[in-house]
Amino acid sequence: MTTTQEERTPEQSLPYDVFSKCCPSRGTLEHITGRWGALTLGALSEGSLRFNALRRRVDGVSEKMLSQTLHALERDGLVHREAQPVNPPRVDYELTPLGREVAARLLSLIHFLEGSMDEVLASRERYDAARGGR
């Protein structure tokens, strides 16, 4: 349910500031940029997936963590959950329009990072060597 500007409380009418500890955007940022949120959004950018297919795609995530991540992303309006009334039950997950926009921006960062890994790894080696190894 959305509210109009006139219906908002004084706190809600303030501009959002993720650097403020009480800003609701901070929680959404945590859901998106956390390890499982980022990987889940990235995986779903490839298209609709069922839970187990998504879990296989996001290698290393537990069933519990993926479930919690999907609930948070769905609550934030980034993921849509579609339960099919069939036997056995079938549930598909896909990005909402907002989720697609967030994922596109996130994938830009992911691709940049993947392309920069040689530089990152060389930097790690220099850092570790200067500090006697890790």
C-alpha atoms as a PDB file:
ATOM      1  CA  MET A   1       0.000   0.000   0.000  1.00  0.00           C
ATOM      2  CA  THR A   2       1.455   3.346  -1.021  1.00  0.00           C
ATOM      3  CA  THR A   3       0.798   6.655   0.647  1.00  0.00           C
ATOM      4  CA  THR A   4       0.585  10.096  -0.863  1.00  0.00           C
ATOM      5  CA  GLN A   5       2.845  12.926   0.249  1.00  0.00           C
ATOM      6  CA  GLU A   6      -0.041  14.374   2.289  1.00  0.00           C
ATOM      7  CA  GLU A   7      -0.617  11.067   4.117  1.00  0.00           C
ATOM      8  CA  ARG A   8       2.997  10.653   5.213  1.00  0.00           C
ATOM      9  CA  THR A   9       4.136  11.279   8.759  1.00  0.00           C
ATOM     10  CA  PRO A  10       6.761  14.013   9.277  1.00  0.00           C
ATOM     11  CA  GLU A  11       9.465  11.319   9.500  1.00  0.00           C
ATOM     12  CA  GLN A  12       8.334   9.764   6.211  1.00  0.00           C
ATOM     13  CA  SER A  13       8.403  13.078   4.369  1.00  0.00           C
ATOM     14  CA  LEU A  14      12.112  13.567   5.032  1.00  0.00           C
ATOM     15  CA  PRO A  15      14.450  12.642   2.194  1.00  0.00           C
ATOM     16  CA  TYR A  16      15.896   9.161   2.543  1.00  0.00           C
ATOM     17  CA  ASP A  17      19.511   9.027   3.700  1.00  0.00           C
ATOM     18  CA  VAL A  18      21.130   5.609   3.827  1.00  0.00           C
ATOM     19  CA  PHE A  19      23.860   7.011   6.067  1.00  0.00           C
ATOM     20  CA  SER A  20      21.304   7.726   8.784  1.00  0.00           C
ATOM     21  CA  LYS A  21      20.872   4.754  11.132  1.00  0.00           C
ATOM     22  CA  CYS A  22      17.084   5.124  11.212  1.00  0.00           C
ATOM     23  CA  CYS A  23      16.579   5.375   7.451  1.00  0.00           C
ATOM     24  CA  PRO A  24      14.578   2.434   6.022  1.00  0.00           C
ATOM     25  CA  SER A  25      16.762   2.438   2.911  1.00  0.00           C
ATOM     26  CA  ARG A  26      19.618   1.043   5.008  1.00  0.00           C
ATOM     27  CA  GLY A  27      17.811  -2.262   5.561  1.00  0.00           C
ATOM     28  CA  THR A  28      17.062  -2.611   1.862  1.00  0.00           C
ATOM     29  CA  LEU A  29      20.682  -1.828   1.032  1.00  0.00           C
ATOM     30  CA  GLU A  30      21.746  -4.590   3.426  1.00  0.00           C
ATOM     31  CA  HIS A  31      19.351  -7.040   1.746  1.00  0.00           C
ATOM     32  CA  ILE A  32      20.714  -6.162  -1.696  1.00  0.00           C
ATOM     33  CA  THR A  33      24.419  -5.956  -0.936  1.00  0.00           C
ATOM     34  CA  GLY A  34      24.700  -8.850   1.475  1.00  0.00           C
ATOM     35  CA  ARG A  35      26.424 -11.880   0.011  1.00  0.00           C
ATOM     36  CA  TRP A  36      23.275 -13.894  -0.599  1.00  0.00           C
ATOM     37  CA  GLY A  37      21.113 -10.973  -1.686  1.00  0.00           C
ATOM     38  CA  ALA A  38      23.543  -9.863  -4.370  1.00  0.00           C
ATOM     39  CA  LEU A  39      24.026 -13.386  -5.673  1.00  0.00           C
ATOM     40  CA  THR A  40      20.291 -14.138  -5.607  1.00  0.00           C
ATOM     41  CA  LEU A  41      19.452 -10.987  -7.539  1.00  0.00           C
ATOM     42  CA  GLY A  42      22.221 -11.739 -10.014  1.00  0.00           C
ATOM     43  CA  ALA A  43      20.989 -15.294 -10.538  1.00  0.00           C
ATOM     44  CA  LEU A  44      17.388 -14.181 -11.002  1.00  0.00           C
ATOM     45  CA  SER A  45      18.473 -11.617 -13.591  1.00  0.00           C
ATOM     46  CA  GLU A  46      18.946 -14.623 -15.881  1.00  0.00           C
ATOM     47  CA  GLY A  47      15.215 -15.411 -15.610  1.00  0.00           C
ATOM     48  CA  SER A  48      12.615 -17.087 -13.433  1.00  0.00           C
ATOM     49  CA  LEU A  49      13.895 -19.962 -11.292  1.00  0.00           C
ATOM     50  CA  ARG A  50      12.432 -22.508  -8.939  1.00  0.00           C
ATOM     51  CA  PHE A  51      13.841 -22.654  -5.419  1.00  0.00           C
ATOM     52  CA  ASN A  52      16.155 -25.661  -5.915  1.00  0.00           C
ATOM     53  CA  ALA A  53      17.438 -24.380  -9.261  1.00  0.00           C
ATOM     54  CA  LEU A  54      18.173 -21.048  -7.614  1.00  0.00           C
ATOM     55  CA  ARG A  55      19.945 -22.797  -4.752  1.00  0.00           C
ATOM     56  CA  ARG A  56      22.126 -24.702  -7.220  1.00  0.00           C
ATOM     57  CA  ARG A  57      22.894 -21.472  -9.112  1.00  0.00           C
ATOM     58  CA  VAL A  58      23.895 -19.631  -5.913  1.00  0.00           C
ATOM     59  CA  ASP A  59      26.528 -22.166  -4.970  1.00  0.00           C
ATOM     60  CA  GLY A  60      27.120 -22.454  -1.221  1.00  0.00           C
ATOM     61  CA  VAL A  61      23.887 -20.922   0.075  1.00  0.00           C
ATOM     62  CA  SER A  62      21.965 -23.031   2.566  1.00  0.00           C
ATOM     63  CA  GLU A  63      18.263 -23.675   2.128  1.00  0.00           C
ATOM     64  CA  LYS A  64      17.546 -21.604   5.252  1.00  0.00           C
ATOM     65  CA  MET A  65      19.626 -18.607   4.112  1.00  0.00           C
ATOM     66  CA  LEU A  66      18.156 -18.650   0.607  1.00  0.00           C
ATOM     67  CA  SER A  67      14.648 -18.781   2.050  1.00  0.00           C
ATOM     68  CA  GLN A  68      15.378 -15.835   4.371  1.00  0.00           C
ATOM     69  CA  THR A  69      16.988 -13.888   1.534  1.00  0.00           C
ATOM     70  CA  LEU A  70      14.051 -14.469  -0.799  1.00  0.00           C
ATOM     71  CA  HIS A  71      11.577 -13.381   1.897  1.00  0.00           C
ATOM     72  CA  ALA A  72      13.519 -10.148   2.506  1.00  0.00           C
ATOM     73  CA  LEU A  73      13.833  -9.383  -1.210  1.00  0.00           C
ATOM     74  CA  GLU A  74      10.153 -10.153  -1.766  1.00  0.00           C
ATOM     75  CA  ARG A  75       9.179  -7.878   1.130  1.00  0.00           C
ATOM     76  CA  ASP A  76      11.296  -5.084  -0.383  1.00  0.00           C
ATOM     77  CA  GLY A  77       9.486  -5.512  -3.698  1.00  0.00           C
ATOM     78  CA  LEU A  78      12.485  -6.838  -5.620  1.00  0.00           C
ATOM     79  CA  VAL A  79      11.404 -10.463  -6.055  1.00  0.00           C
ATOM     80  CA  HIS A  80       8.030 -11.923  -6.978  1.00  0.00           C
ATOM     81  CA  ARG A  81       7.082 -15.371  -5.668  1.00  0.00           C
ATOM     82  CA  GLU A  82       4.596 -17.307  -7.800  1.00  0.00           C
ATOM     83  CA  ALA A  83       3.100 -20.439  -6.220  1.00  0.00           C
ATOM     84  CA  GLN A  84       1.495 -22.731  -8.802  1.00  0.00           C
ATOM     85  CA  PRO A  85      -1.572 -24.681  -7.599  1.00  0.00           C
ATOM     86  CA  VAL A  86      -0.261 -28.050  -8.753  1.00  0.00           C
ATOM     87  CA  ASN A  87       0.735 -31.274  -7.071  1.00  0.00           C
ATOM     88  CA  PRO A  88       3.578 -31.415  -6.146  1.00  0.00           C
ATOM     89  CA  PRO A  89       3.685 -27.684  -5.339  1.00  0.00           C
ATOM     90  CA  ARG A  90       5.690 -25.509  -7.710  1.00  0.00           C
ATOM     91  CA  VAL A  91       7.061 -22.120  -6.698  1.00  0.00           C
ATOM     92  CA  ASP A  92       8.855 -19.837  -9.119  1.00  0.00           C
ATOM     93  CA  TYR A  93      10.836 -16.718  -8.256  1.00  0.00           C
ATOM     94  CA  GLU A  94      11.460 -13.820 -10.598  1.00  0.00           C
ATOM     95  CA  LEU A  95      12.553 -10.210 -10.388  1.00  0.00           C
ATOM     96  CA  THR A  96      10.009  -7.425 -10.289  1.00  0.00           C
ATOM     97  CA  PRO A  97      10.615  -4.357 -12.496  1.00  0.00           C
ATOM     98  CA  LEU A  98      12.328  -2.682  -9.520  1.00  0.00           C
ATOM     99  CA  GLY A  99      14.338  -5.860  -8.919  1.00  0.00           C
ATOM    100  CA  ARG A 100      15.468  -5.911 -12.570  1.00  0.00           C
ATOM    101  CA  GLU A 101      16.696  -2.336 -12.279  1.00  0.00           C
ATOM    102  CA  VAL A 102      18.582  -3.090  -9.058  1.00  0.00           C
ATOM    103  CA  ALA A 103      20.036  -6.290 -10.546  1.00  0.00           C
ATOM    104  CA  ALA A 104      21.237  -4.448 -13.673  1.00  0.00           C
ATOM    105  CA  ARG A 105      23.153  -1.980 -11.518  1.00  0.00           C
ATOM    106  CA  LEU A 106      24.479  -4.756  -9.332  1.00  0.00           C
ATOM    107  CA  LEU A 107      25.571  -6.828 -12.339  1.00  0.00           C
ATOM    108  CA  SER A 108      27.513  -3.848 -13.649  1.00  0.00           C
ATOM    109  CA  LEU A 109      29.495  -3.859 -10.402  1.00  0.00           C
ATOM    110  CA  ILE A 110      29.872  -7.660 -10.471  1.00  0.00           C
ATOM    111  CA  HIS A 111      31.195  -7.639 -14.043  1.00  0.00           C
ATOM    112  CA  PHE A 112      33.571  -4.794 -13.239  1.00  0.00           C
ATOM    113  CA  LEU A 113      34.862  -6.708 -10.219  1.00  0.00           C
ATOM    114  CA  GLU A 114      35.279  -9.961 -12.172  1.00  0.00           C
ATOM    115  CA  GLY A 115      37.254  -8.068 -14.817  1.00  0.00           C
ATOM    116  CA  SER A 116      39.473  -6.486 -12.156  1.00  0.00           C
ATOM    117  CA  MET A 117      40.355  -9.631 -10.221  1.00  0.00           C
ATOM    118  CA  ASP A 118      43.930  -9.879 -11.551  1.00  0.00           C
ATOM    119  CA  GLU A 119      44.585  -6.419 -10.102  1.00  0.00           C
ATOM    120  CA  VAL A 120      42.811  -7.308  -6.833  1.00  0.00           C
ATOM    121  CA  LEU A 121      44.765 -10.551  -6.418  1.00  0.00           C
ATOM    122  CA  ALA A 122      48.075  -8.790  -7.145  1.00  0.00           C
ATOM    123  CA  SER A 123      47.192  -6.162  -4.547  1.00  0.00           C
ATOM    124  CA  ARG A 124      46.419  -8.864  -1.994  1.00  0.00           C
ATOM    125  CA  GLU A 125      49.789 -10.495  -2.633  1.00  0.00           C
ATOM    126  CA  ARG A 126      51.613  -7.170  -2.161  1.00  0.00           C
ATOM    127  CA  TYR A 127      49.644  -6.437   1.012  1.00  0.00           C
ATOM    128  CA  ASP A 128      50.294  -9.888   2.487  1.00  0.00           C
ATOM    129  CA  ALA A 129      53.999  -9.809   1.542  1.00  0.00           C
ATOM    130  CA  ALA A 130      54.434  -6.407   3.196  1.00  0.00           C
ATOM    131  CA  ARG A 131      52.911  -7.763   6.410  1.00  0.00           C
ATOM    132  CA  GLY A 132      54.763 -11.048   6.543  1.00  0.00           C
ATOM    133  CA  GLY A 133      52.055 -13.172   4.919  1.00  0.00           C
ATOM    134  CA  ARG A 134      48.617 -14.056   6.169  1.00  0.00           C
END
